[in-house]
PDB file of N, CA and C in Angstrom:
ATOM      1  N   UNK A   1      39.559 132.798 -23.473  1.00  0.00           N
ATOM      2  CA  UNK A   1      38.780 131.817 -24.573  1.00  0.00           C
ATOM      3  C   UNK A   1      40.153 131.628 -25.843  1.00  0.00           C
ATOM      4  N   UNK A   2      41.068 133.017 -25.827  1.00  0.00           N
ATOM      5  CA  UNK A   2      41.732 132.960 -26.811  1.00  0.00           C
ATOM      6  C   UNK A   2      43.090 132.189 -26.159  1.00  0.00           C
ATOM      7  N   UNK A   3      43.548 132.478 -24.991  1.00  0.00           N
ATOM      8  CA  UNK A   3      44.223 131.303 -24.441  1.00  0.00           C
ATOM      9  C   UNK A   3      44.196 129.920 -24.405  1.00  0.00           C
ATOM     10  N   UNK A   4      43.049 129.554 -24.187  1.00  0.00           N
ATOM     11  CA  UNK A   4      42.377 128.263 -24.218  1.00  0.00           C
ATOM     12  C   UNK A   4      42.569 127.681 -25.639  1.00  0.00           C
ATOM     13  N   UNK A   5      42.169 128.336 -26.617  1.00  0.00           N
ATOM     14  CA  UNK A   5      42.209 127.919 -28.055  1.00  0.00           C
ATOM     15  C   UNK A   5      43.657 127.865 -28.464  1.00  0.00           C
ATOM     16  N   UNK A   6      44.798 128.649 -28.013  1.00  0.00           N
ATOM     17  CA  UNK A   6      45.842 128.303 -28.403  1.00  0.00           C
ATOM     18  C   UNK A   6      46.608 127.175 -27.564  1.00  0.00           C
ATOM     19  N   UNK A   7      45.992 127.198 -26.377  1.00  0.00           N
ATOM     20  CA  UNK A   7      46.565 125.826 -25.811  1.00  0.00           C
ATOM     21  C   UNK A   7      46.103 124.554 -26.387  1.00  0.00           C
ATOM     22  N   UNK A   8      44.887 124.384 -26.881  1.00  0.00           N
ATOM     23  CA  UNK A   8      44.356 123.221 -27.551  1.00  0.00           C
ATOM     24  C   UNK A   8      45.094 123.123 -28.988  1.00  0.00           C
ATOM     25  N   UNK A   9      45.238 124.090 -29.440  1.00  0.00           N
ATOM     26  CA  UNK A   9      46.278 123.939 -30.729  1.00  0.00           C
ATOM     27  C   UNK A   9      47.750 123.451 -30.426  1.00  0.00           C
ATOM     28  N   UNK A  10      48.200 123.862 -29.359  1.00  0.00           N
ATOM     29  CA  UNK A  10      49.492 123.240 -28.518  1.00  0.00           C
ATOM     30  C   UNK A  10      49.368 121.916 -28.483  1.00  0.00           C
ATOM     31  N   UNK A  11      48.470 121.171 -27.914  1.00  0.00           N
ATOM     32  CA  UNK A  11      48.166 119.942 -27.591  1.00  0.00           C
ATOM     33  C   UNK A  11      48.067 119.280 -28.935  1.00  0.00           C
ATOM     34  N   UNK A  12      47.005 119.631 -29.659  1.00  0.00           N
ATOM     35  CA  UNK A  12      46.960 118.973 -31.115  1.00  0.00           C
ATOM     36  C   UNK A  12      48.214 118.760 -31.715  1.00  0.00           C
ATOM     37  N   UNK A  13      49.056 119.847 -31.598  1.00  0.00           N
ATOM     38  CA  UNK A  13      50.408 119.835 -32.562  1.00  0.00           C
ATOM     39  C   UNK A  13      51.380 118.848 -32.040  1.00  0.00           C
ATOM     40  N   UNK A  14      51.402 118.872 -30.688  1.00  0.00           N
ATOM     41  CA  UNK A  14      52.320 118.053 -29.852  1.00  0.00           C
ATOM     42  C   UNK A  14      51.659 116.612 -29.949  1.00  0.00           C
ATOM     43  N   UNK A  15      50.710 116.319 -29.907  1.00  0.00           N
ATOM     44  CA  UNK A  15      50.127 114.991 -30.018  1.00  0.00           C
ATOM     45  C   UNK A  15      50.117 114.319 -31.408  1.00  0.00           C
ATOM     46  N   UNK A  16      50.008 115.322 -32.372  1.00  0.00           N
ATOM     47  CA  UNK A  16      50.022 114.790 -33.839  1.00  0.00           C
ATOM     48  C   UNK A  16      51.547 114.880 -34.345  1.00  0.00           C
ATOM     49  N   UNK A  17      52.381 115.530 -33.794  1.00  0.00           N
ATOM     50  CA  UNK A  17      53.942 115.366 -34.330  1.00  0.00           C
ATOM     51  C   UNK A  17      54.521 114.344 -33.737  1.00  0.00           C
ATOM     52  N   UNK A  18      54.038 113.486 -32.908  1.00  0.00           N
ATOM     53  CA  UNK A  18      54.783 112.419 -32.531  1.00  0.00           C
ATOM     54  C   UNK A  18      55.501 112.730 -31.065  1.00  0.00           C
ATOM     55  N   UNK A  19      55.009 113.706 -30.801  1.00  0.00           N
ATOM     56  CA  UNK A  19      55.779 114.110 -29.317  1.00  0.00           C
ATOM     57  C   UNK A  19      55.190 112.707 -28.487  1.00  0.00           C
ATOM     58  N   UNK A  20      53.946 112.677 -28.409  1.00  0.00           N
ATOM     59  CA  UNK A  20      53.331 111.676 -27.915  1.00  0.00           C
ATOM     60  C   UNK A  20      52.434 111.145 -29.031  1.00  0.00           C
ATOM     61  N   UNK A  21      52.286 109.921 -29.509  1.00  0.00           N
ATOM     62  CA  UNK A  21      51.379 109.646 -30.533  1.00  0.00           C
ATOM     63  C   UNK A  21      51.341 107.890 -30.767  1.00  0.00           C
ATOM     64  N   UNK A  22      50.104 107.536 -30.962  1.00  0.00           N
ATOM     65  CA  UNK A  22      49.953 106.417 -30.797  1.00  0.00           C
ATOM     66  C   UNK A  22      50.321 105.331 -32.203  1.00  0.00           C
ATOM     67  N   UNK A  23      50.754 104.299 -32.241  1.00  0.00           N
ATOM     68  CA  UNK A  23      51.077 103.646 -33.462  1.00  0.00           C
ATOM     69  C   UNK A  23      49.802 103.581 -34.464  1.00  0.00           C
ATOM     70  N   UNK A  24      49.697 104.369 -35.476  1.00  0.00           N
ATOM     71  CA  UNK A  24      48.513 104.218 -36.394  1.00  0.00           C
ATOM     72  C   UNK A  24      48.629 103.419 -37.640  1.00  0.00           C
ATOM     73  N   UNK A  25      49.657 102.785 -37.716  1.00  0.00           N
ATOM     74  CA  UNK A  25      50.102 101.996 -38.890  1.00  0.00           C
ATOM     75  C   UNK A  25      50.370 100.322 -38.833  1.00  0.00           C
ATOM     76  N   UNK A  26      50.163  99.986 -37.645  1.00  0.00           N
ATOM     77  CA  UNK A  26      50.176  98.374 -37.412  1.00  0.00           C
ATOM     78  C   UNK A  26      48.814  97.865 -37.561  1.00  0.00           C
ATOM     79  N   UNK A  27      48.610  97.096 -38.261  1.00  0.00           N
ATOM     80  CA  UNK A  27      47.425  96.133 -38.467  1.00  0.00           C
ATOM     81  C   UNK A  27      47.094  95.249 -37.149  1.00  0.00           C
ATOM     82  N   UNK A  28      45.947  95.063 -36.401  1.00  0.00           N
ATOM     83  CA  UNK A  28      45.513  94.285 -35.707  1.00  0.00           C
ATOM     84  C   UNK A  28      44.437  93.472 -36.368  1.00  0.00           C
ATOM     85  N   UNK A  29      44.415  91.887 -35.794  1.00  0.00           N
ATOM     86  CA  UNK A  29      43.447  91.177 -36.663  1.00  0.00           C
ATOM     87  C   UNK A  29      42.231  91.153 -35.683  1.00  0.00           C
ATOM     88  N   UNK A  30      42.516  91.837 -34.707  1.00  0.00           N
ATOM     89  CA  UNK A  30      40.949  91.726 -33.721  1.00  0.00           C
ATOM     90  C   UNK A  30      40.924  93.194 -32.833  1.00  0.00           C
ATOM     91  N   UNK A  31      39.833  93.435 -32.610  1.00  0.00           N
ATOM     92  CA  UNK A  31      39.769  94.655 -31.919  1.00  0.00           C
ATOM     93  C   UNK A  31      40.339  94.598 -30.609  1.00  0.00           C
ATOM     94  N   UNK A  32      40.044  93.719 -30.122  1.00  0.00           N
ATOM     95  CA  UNK A  32      40.533  93.387 -28.638  1.00  0.00           C
ATOM     96  C   UNK A  32      42.106  93.721 -28.519  1.00  0.00           C
ATOM     97  N   UNK A  33      42.954  93.149 -29.648  1.00  0.00           N
ATOM     98  CA  UNK A  33      44.472  93.170 -29.626  1.00  0.00           C
ATOM     99  C   UNK A  33      44.715  94.682 -29.841  1.00  0.00           C
ATOM    100  N   UNK A  34      44.045  95.442 -30.574  1.00  0.00           N
ATOM    101  CA  UNK A  34      44.096  96.776 -30.754  1.00  0.00           C
ATOM    102  C   UNK A  34      43.652  97.624 -29.794  1.00  0.00           C
ATOM    103  N   UNK A  35      42.709  97.560 -29.168  1.00  0.00           N
ATOM    104  CA  UNK A  35      42.383  98.009 -27.713  1.00  0.00           C
ATOM    105  C   UNK A  35      43.452  98.083 -26.899  1.00  0.00           C
ATOM    106  N   UNK A  36      43.973  96.786 -26.651  1.00  0.00           N
ATOM    107  CA  UNK A  36      44.972  96.643 -25.580  1.00  0.00           C
ATOM    108  C   UNK A  36      46.284  97.175 -26.159  1.00  0.00           C
ATOM    109  N   UNK A  37      46.418  97.417 -27.195  1.00  0.00           N
ATOM    110  CA  UNK A  37      48.157  98.073 -27.589  1.00  0.00           C
ATOM    111  C   UNK A  37      47.517  99.609 -27.341  1.00  0.00           C
ATOM    112  N   UNK A  38      46.441 100.027 -27.759  1.00  0.00           N
ATOM    113  CA  UNK A  38      46.138 101.529 -27.534  1.00  0.00           C
ATOM    114  C   UNK A  38      46.056 101.815 -26.312  1.00  0.00           C
ATOM    115  N   UNK A  39      45.510 100.958 -25.259  1.00  0.00           N
ATOM    116  CA  UNK A  39      45.620 101.336 -23.764  1.00  0.00           C
ATOM    117  C   UNK A  39      47.197 101.395 -23.330  1.00  0.00           C
ATOM    118  N   UNK A  40      47.932 100.335 -23.863  1.00  0.00           N
ATOM    119  CA  UNK A  40      49.171 100.497 -23.394  1.00  0.00           C
ATOM    120  C   UNK A  40      50.102 101.669 -23.687  1.00  0.00           C
ATOM    121  N   UNK A  41      49.692 102.261 -24.834  1.00  0.00           N
ATOM    122  CA  UNK A  41      50.203 103.511 -25.514  1.00  0.00           C
ATOM    123  C   UNK A  41      49.670 104.644 -24.270  1.00  0.00           C
ATOM    124  N   UNK A  42      48.372 104.573 -24.311  1.00  0.00           N
ATOM    125  CA  UNK A  42      48.033 105.691 -23.561  1.00  0.00           C
ATOM    126  C   UNK A  42      48.328 105.654 -21.895  1.00  0.00           C
ATOM    127  N   UNK A  43      48.632 104.319 -21.336  1.00  0.00           N
ATOM    128  CA  UNK A  43      49.168 104.595 -20.202  1.00  0.00           C
ATOM    129  C   UNK A  43      50.453 105.051 -19.981  1.00  0.00           C
ATOM    130  N   UNK A  44      51.390 104.787 -21.186  1.00  0.00           N
ATOM    131  CA  UNK A  44      52.572 105.464 -21.358  1.00  0.00           C
ATOM    132  C   UNK A  44      52.894 106.739 -21.211  1.00  0.00           C
ATOM    133  N   UNK A  45      51.547 107.416 -21.959  1.00  0.00           N
ATOM    134  CA  UNK A  45      51.679 108.881 -22.436  1.00  0.00           C
ATOM    135  C   UNK A  45      50.775 109.808 -21.429  1.00  0.00           C
ATOM    136  N   UNK A  46      50.088 109.476 -20.666  1.00  0.00           N
ATOM    137  CA  UNK A  46      49.053 110.017 -19.928  1.00  0.00           C
ATOM    138  C   UNK A  46      49.982 110.998 -18.765  1.00  0.00           C
ATOM    139  N   UNK A  47      50.880 110.733 -18.225  1.00  0.00           N
ATOM    140  CA  UNK A  47      51.907 111.520 -17.206  1.00  0.00           C
ATOM    141  C   UNK A  47      52.380 112.369 -17.938  1.00  0.00           C
ATOM    142  N   UNK A  48      52.956 112.442 -19.223  1.00  0.00           N
ATOM    143  CA  UNK A  48      53.590 113.249 -19.998  1.00  0.00           C
ATOM    144  C   UNK A  48      52.420 114.210 -20.541  1.00  0.00           C
ATOM    145  N   UNK A  49      51.583 114.115 -20.572  1.00  0.00           N
ATOM    146  CA  UNK A  49      50.045 114.922 -21.117  1.00  0.00           C
ATOM    147  C   UNK A  49      49.566 115.901 -19.802  1.00  0.00           C
ATOM    148  N   UNK A  50      49.665 115.123 -18.590  1.00  0.00           N
ATOM    149  CA  UNK A  50      49.596 115.916 -17.467  1.00  0.00           C
ATOM    150  C   UNK A  50      50.333 117.042 -17.144  1.00  0.00           C
ATOM    151  N   UNK A  51      51.822 116.395 -17.436  1.00  0.00           N
ATOM    152  CA  UNK A  51      52.999 117.349 -16.992  1.00  0.00           C
ATOM    153  C   UNK A  51      53.275 118.579 -17.995  1.00  0.00           C
ATOM    154  N   UNK A  52      53.064 117.937 -19.388  1.00  0.00           N
ATOM    155  CA  UNK A  52      53.137 119.324 -20.348  1.00  0.00           C
ATOM    156  C   UNK A  52      52.198 120.249 -20.544  1.00  0.00           C
ATOM    157  N   UNK A  53      50.715 119.747 -19.942  1.00  0.00           N
ATOM    158  CA  UNK A  53      49.727 120.528 -20.239  1.00  0.00           C
ATOM    159  C   UNK A  53      48.728 120.688 -19.108  1.00  0.00           C
ATOM    160  N   UNK A  54      49.401 121.272 -17.946  1.00  0.00           N
ATOM    161  CA  UNK A  54      48.545 121.486 -16.466  1.00  0.00           C
ATOM    162  C   UNK A  54      47.236 122.361 -16.970  1.00  0.00           C
ATOM    163  N   UNK A  55      47.365 123.384 -17.526  1.00  0.00           N
ATOM    164  CA  UNK A  55      46.168 123.741 -17.754  1.00  0.00           C
ATOM    165  C   UNK A  55      44.843 123.330 -18.294  1.00  0.00           C
ATOM    166  N   UNK A  56      45.212 122.091 -19.057  1.00  0.00           N
ATOM    167  CA  UNK A  56      44.012 121.459 -19.594  1.00  0.00           C
ATOM    168  C   UNK A  56      43.774 119.948 -18.910  1.00  0.00           C
ATOM    169  N   UNK A  57      44.683 119.491 -18.268  1.00  0.00           N
ATOM    170  CA  UNK A  57      44.605 118.157 -17.659  1.00  0.00           C
ATOM    171  C   UNK A  57      44.954 118.238 -16.071  1.00  0.00           C
ATOM    172  N   UNK A  58      43.984 118.176 -15.225  1.00  0.00           N
ATOM    173  CA  UNK A  58      44.466 118.199 -13.856  1.00  0.00           C
ATOM    174  C   UNK A  58      44.939 116.755 -13.279  1.00  0.00           C
ATOM    175  N   UNK A  59      44.678 115.772 -14.018  1.00  0.00           N
ATOM    176  CA  UNK A  59      45.041 114.421 -13.303  1.00  0.00           C
ATOM    177  C   UNK A  59      45.410 113.444 -14.225  1.00  0.00           C
ATOM    178  N   UNK A  60      46.043 112.608 -14.098  1.00  0.00           N
ATOM    179  CA  UNK A  60      46.021 111.402 -15.054  1.00  0.00           C
ATOM    180  C   UNK A  60      44.953 110.451 -15.502  1.00  0.00           C
ATOM    181  N   UNK A  61      43.927 110.530 -14.480  1.00  0.00           N
ATOM    182  CA  UNK A  61      42.926 109.979 -15.064  1.00  0.00           C
ATOM    183  C   UNK A  61      41.933 110.901 -16.006  1.00  0.00           C
ATOM    184  N   UNK A  62      42.062 112.042 -16.032  1.00  0.00           N
ATOM    185  CA  UNK A  62      41.434 113.149 -16.918  1.00  0.00           C
ATOM    186  C   UNK A  62      42.227 112.738 -18.311  1.00  0.00           C
ATOM    187  N   UNK A  63      43.508 112.828 -18.320  1.00  0.00           N
ATOM    188  CA  UNK A  63      44.167 112.530 -19.647  1.00  0.00           C
ATOM    189  C   UNK A  63      43.999 111.297 -20.041  1.00  0.00           C
ATOM    190  N   UNK A  64      43.861 110.114 -19.243  1.00  0.00           N
ATOM    191  CA  UNK A  64      43.530 108.807 -19.482  1.00  0.00           C
ATOM    192  C   UNK A  64      42.207 108.738 -20.371  1.00  0.00           C
ATOM    193  N   UNK A  65      41.384 109.496 -19.936  1.00  0.00           N
ATOM    194  CA  UNK A  65      39.839 109.754 -20.351  1.00  0.00           C
ATOM    195  C   UNK A  65      39.670 110.357 -21.600  1.00  0.00           C
ATOM    196  N   UNK A  66      40.683 111.658 -21.938  1.00  0.00           N
ATOM    197  CA  UNK A  66      40.848 112.045 -22.975  1.00  0.00           C
ATOM    198  C   UNK A  66      41.683 111.145 -23.947  1.00  0.00           C
ATOM    199  N   UNK A  67      42.551 110.460 -23.643  1.00  0.00           N
ATOM    200  CA  UNK A  67      43.346 109.561 -24.839  1.00  0.00           C
ATOM    201  C   UNK A  67      42.435 108.464 -25.063  1.00  0.00           C
ATOM    202  N   UNK A  68      41.672 108.002 -24.266  1.00  0.00           N
ATOM    203  CA  UNK A  68      40.503 106.969 -24.663  1.00  0.00           C
ATOM    204  C   UNK A  68      39.912 107.353 -25.669  1.00  0.00           C
ATOM    205  N   UNK A  69      39.296 108.508 -25.703  1.00  0.00           N
ATOM    206  CA  UNK A  69      38.446 109.008 -26.640  1.00  0.00           C
ATOM    207  C   UNK A  69      39.036 109.606 -27.991  1.00  0.00           C
ATOM    208  N   UNK A  70      40.318 110.055 -27.626  1.00  0.00           N
ATOM    209  CA  UNK A  70      41.196 110.590 -28.935  1.00  0.00           C
ATOM    210  C   UNK A  70      41.816 109.445 -30.025  1.00  0.00           C
ATOM    211  N   UNK A  71      42.020 108.312 -29.361  1.00  0.00           N
ATOM    212  CA  UNK A  71      42.442 107.351 -30.117  1.00  0.00           C
ATOM    213  C   UNK A  71      41.461 106.187 -29.875  1.00  0.00           C
ATOM    214  N   UNK A  72      41.168 105.724 -31.185  1.00  0.00           N
ATOM    215  CA  UNK A  72      40.064 104.725 -31.350  1.00  0.00           C
ATOM    216  C   UNK A  72      40.338 103.560 -32.114  1.00  0.00           C
ATOM    217  N   UNK A  73      39.734 102.412 -32.080  1.00  0.00           N
ATOM    218  CA  UNK A  73      40.320 101.007 -32.952  1.00  0.00           C
ATOM    219  C   UNK A  73      39.251 100.963 -33.902  1.00  0.00           C
ATOM    220  N   UNK A  74      39.495 101.101 -34.983  1.00  0.00           N
ATOM    221  CA  UNK A  74      38.463 101.280 -36.348  1.00  0.00           C
ATOM    222  C   UNK A  74      38.867 100.372 -37.276  1.00  0.00           C
ATOM    223  N   UNK A  75      37.736  99.396 -37.785  1.00  0.00           N
ATOM    224  CA  UNK A  75      37.946  98.392 -38.716  1.00  0.00           C
ATOM    225  C   UNK A  75      38.324  98.757 -40.237  1.00  0.00           C
ATOM    226  N   UNK A  76      39.443  98.456 -40.790  1.00  0.00           N
ATOM    227  CA  UNK A  76      39.665  98.980 -41.953  1.00  0.00           C
ATOM    228  C   UNK A  76      38.827  97.875 -42.765  1.00  0.00           C
ATOM    229  N   UNK A  77      37.834  98.269 -43.458  1.00  0.00           N
ATOM    230  CA  UNK A  77      37.219  97.419 -44.531  1.00  0.00           C
ATOM    231  C   UNK A  77      37.927  96.767 -45.759  1.00  0.00           C
ATOM    232  N   UNK A  78      38.872  97.675 -46.166  1.00  0.00           N
ATOM    233  CA  UNK A  78      39.820  97.017 -47.122  1.00  0.00           C
ATOM    234  C   UNK A  78      40.531  95.893 -46.893  1.00  0.00           C
ATOM    235  N   UNK A  79      40.900  95.697 -45.554  1.00  0.00           N
ATOM    236  CA  UNK A  79      42.170  94.678 -45.485  1.00  0.00           C
ATOM    237  C   UNK A  79      41.488  93.967 -44.221  1.00  0.00           C
ATOM    238  N   UNK A  80      40.132  94.206 -43.508  1.00  0.00           N
ATOM    239  CA  UNK A  80      39.684  93.671 -42.669  1.00  0.00           C
ATOM    240  C   UNK A  80      40.426  93.562 -41.198  1.00  0.00           C
ATOM    241  N   UNK A  81      41.682  94.370 -41.091  1.00  0.00           N
ATOM    242  CA  UNK A  81      42.361  94.505 -39.930  1.00  0.00           C
ATOM    243  C   UNK A  81      41.637  95.987 -39.029  1.00  0.00           C
ATOM    244  N   UNK A  82      42.081  95.936 -37.704  1.00  0.00           N
ATOM    245  CA  UNK A  82      41.804  97.200 -37.010  1.00  0.00           C
ATOM    246  C   UNK A  82      43.073  97.942 -36.852  1.00  0.00           C
ATOM    247  N   UNK A  83      42.832  99.222 -36.979  1.00  0.00           N
ATOM    248  CA  UNK A  83      44.017 100.374 -36.803  1.00  0.00           C
ATOM    249  C   UNK A  83      43.626 101.228 -35.797  1.00  0.00           C
ATOM    250  N   UNK A  84      44.421 101.696 -34.942  1.00  0.00           N
ATOM    251  CA  UNK A  84      44.528 102.828 -34.044  1.00  0.00           C
ATOM    252  C   UNK A  84      43.979 104.137 -34.965  1.00  0.00           C
ATOM    253  N   UNK A  85      43.062 104.880 -34.812  1.00  0.00           N
ATOM    254  CA  UNK A  85      42.819 105.918 -35.561  1.00  0.00           C
ATOM    255  C   UNK A  85      43.014 107.061 -34.331  1.00  0.00           C
ATOM    256  N   UNK A  86      43.363 108.300 -35.423  1.00  0.00           N
ATOM    257  CA  UNK A  86      43.698 109.451 -34.628  1.00  0.00           C
ATOM    258  C   UNK A  86      42.559 110.138 -34.358  1.00  0.00           C
ATOM    259  N   UNK A  87      41.794 111.006 -33.241  1.00  0.00           N
ATOM    260  CA  UNK A  87      40.884 111.889 -33.296  1.00  0.00           C
ATOM    261  C   UNK A  87      40.854 112.874 -32.503  1.00  0.00           C
ATOM    262  N   UNK A  88      42.220 113.301 -32.188  1.00  0.00           N
ATOM    263  CA  UNK A  88      42.546 114.179 -31.180  1.00  0.00           C
ATOM    264  C   UNK A  88      42.106 115.431 -31.627  1.00  0.00           C
ATOM    265  N   UNK A  89      41.972 116.073 -32.876  1.00  0.00           N
ATOM    266  CA  UNK A  89      41.370 117.659 -33.231  1.00  0.00           C
ATOM    267  C   UNK A  89      39.941 117.261 -32.915  1.00  0.00           C
ATOM    268  N   UNK A  90      39.231 116.365 -33.237  1.00  0.00           N
ATOM    269  CA  UNK A  90      37.610 116.151 -33.090  1.00  0.00           C
ATOM    270  C   UNK A  90      37.395 115.950 -31.537  1.00  0.00           C
ATOM    271  N   UNK A  91      37.940 115.418 -30.755  1.00  0.00           N
ATOM    272  CA  UNK A  91      38.074 115.451 -29.356  1.00  0.00           C
ATOM    273  C   UNK A  91      38.283 116.786 -28.726  1.00  0.00           C
ATOM    274  N   UNK A  92      39.564 117.459 -29.003  1.00  0.00           N
ATOM    275  CA  UNK A  92      39.567 118.841 -28.641  1.00  0.00           C
ATOM    276  C   UNK A  92      38.815 120.047 -29.018  1.00  0.00           C
ATOM    277  N   UNK A  93      38.078 119.597 -29.988  1.00  0.00           N
ATOM    278  CA  UNK A  93      36.802 120.461 -30.458  1.00  0.00           C
ATOM    279  C   UNK A  93      35.524 120.513 -29.628  1.00  0.00           C
ATOM    280  N   UNK A  94      35.543 119.118 -29.438  1.00  0.00           N
ATOM    281  CA  UNK A  94      34.252 118.448 -29.033  1.00  0.00           C
ATOM    282  C   UNK A  94      33.468 119.188 -27.852  1.00  0.00           C
ATOM    283  N   UNK A  95      32.024 118.778 -27.744  1.00  0.00           N
ATOM    284  CA  UNK A  95      31.455 119.429 -26.416  1.00  0.00           C
ATOM    285  C   UNK A  95      31.847 118.786 -25.088  1.00  0.00           C
ATOM    286  N   UNK A  96      32.294 117.375 -25.158  1.00  0.00           N
ATOM    287  CA  UNK A  96      32.751 116.607 -24.281  1.00  0.00           C
ATOM    288  C   UNK A  96      34.019 117.349 -23.527  1.00  0.00           C
ATOM    289  N   UNK A  97      34.904 117.840 -24.654  1.00  0.00           N
ATOM    290  CA  UNK A  97      36.230 118.478 -24.001  1.00  0.00           C
ATOM    291  C   UNK A  97      35.982 119.762 -23.346  1.00  0.00           C
ATOM    292  N   UNK A  98      34.928 120.416 -23.955  1.00  0.00           N
ATOM    293  CA  UNK A  98      34.771 121.650 -23.553  1.00  0.00           C
ATOM    294  C   UNK A  98      33.819 121.757 -22.097  1.00  0.00           C
ATOM    295  N   UNK A  99      33.220 120.587 -21.748  1.00  0.00           N
ATOM    296  CA  UNK A  99      32.420 120.581 -20.424  1.00  0.00           C
ATOM    297  C   UNK A  99      33.247 119.750 -19.129  1.00  0.00           C
ATOM    298  N   UNK A 100      34.306 119.242 -19.652  1.00  0.00           N
ATOM    299  CA  UNK A 100      35.020 118.661 -18.608  1.00  0.00           C
ATOM    300  C   UNK A 100      34.921 119.301 -17.312  1.00  0.00           C
ATOM    301  N   UNK A 101      35.291 119.092 -15.949  1.00  0.00           N
ATOM    302  CA  UNK A 101      35.206 119.686 -14.751  1.00  0.00           C
ATOM    303  C   UNK A 101      36.595 120.393 -14.538  1.00  0.00           C
ATOM    304  N   UNK A 102      36.956 120.812 -15.375  1.00  0.00           N
ATOM    305  CA  UNK A 102      38.538 121.365 -15.317  1.00  0.00           C
ATOM    306  C   UNK A 102      38.336 122.912 -15.049  1.00  0.00           C
TER     307      UNK A 102
END
């Protein structure tokens, strides 16, 4: 369990440090535009995630599923735009992540 916790910490640090990271500062006028941009970023990042963390991700499909949950598009009520939001730490610590078939 300690090894797993260390690995999760490494993933969180790598993802949030910009080793791979979604653009969270660009406003999108629609949720669809935000989701499309996020999906494109995830597609570019999933191979790296599997190669860098093989102990946590077996396939690019598993990595893609994680990235979809880790980066969501949320409405900012103050300006009415959607932004990609980082939920990496929440997902890494979630029951969903714990119960994957890995």
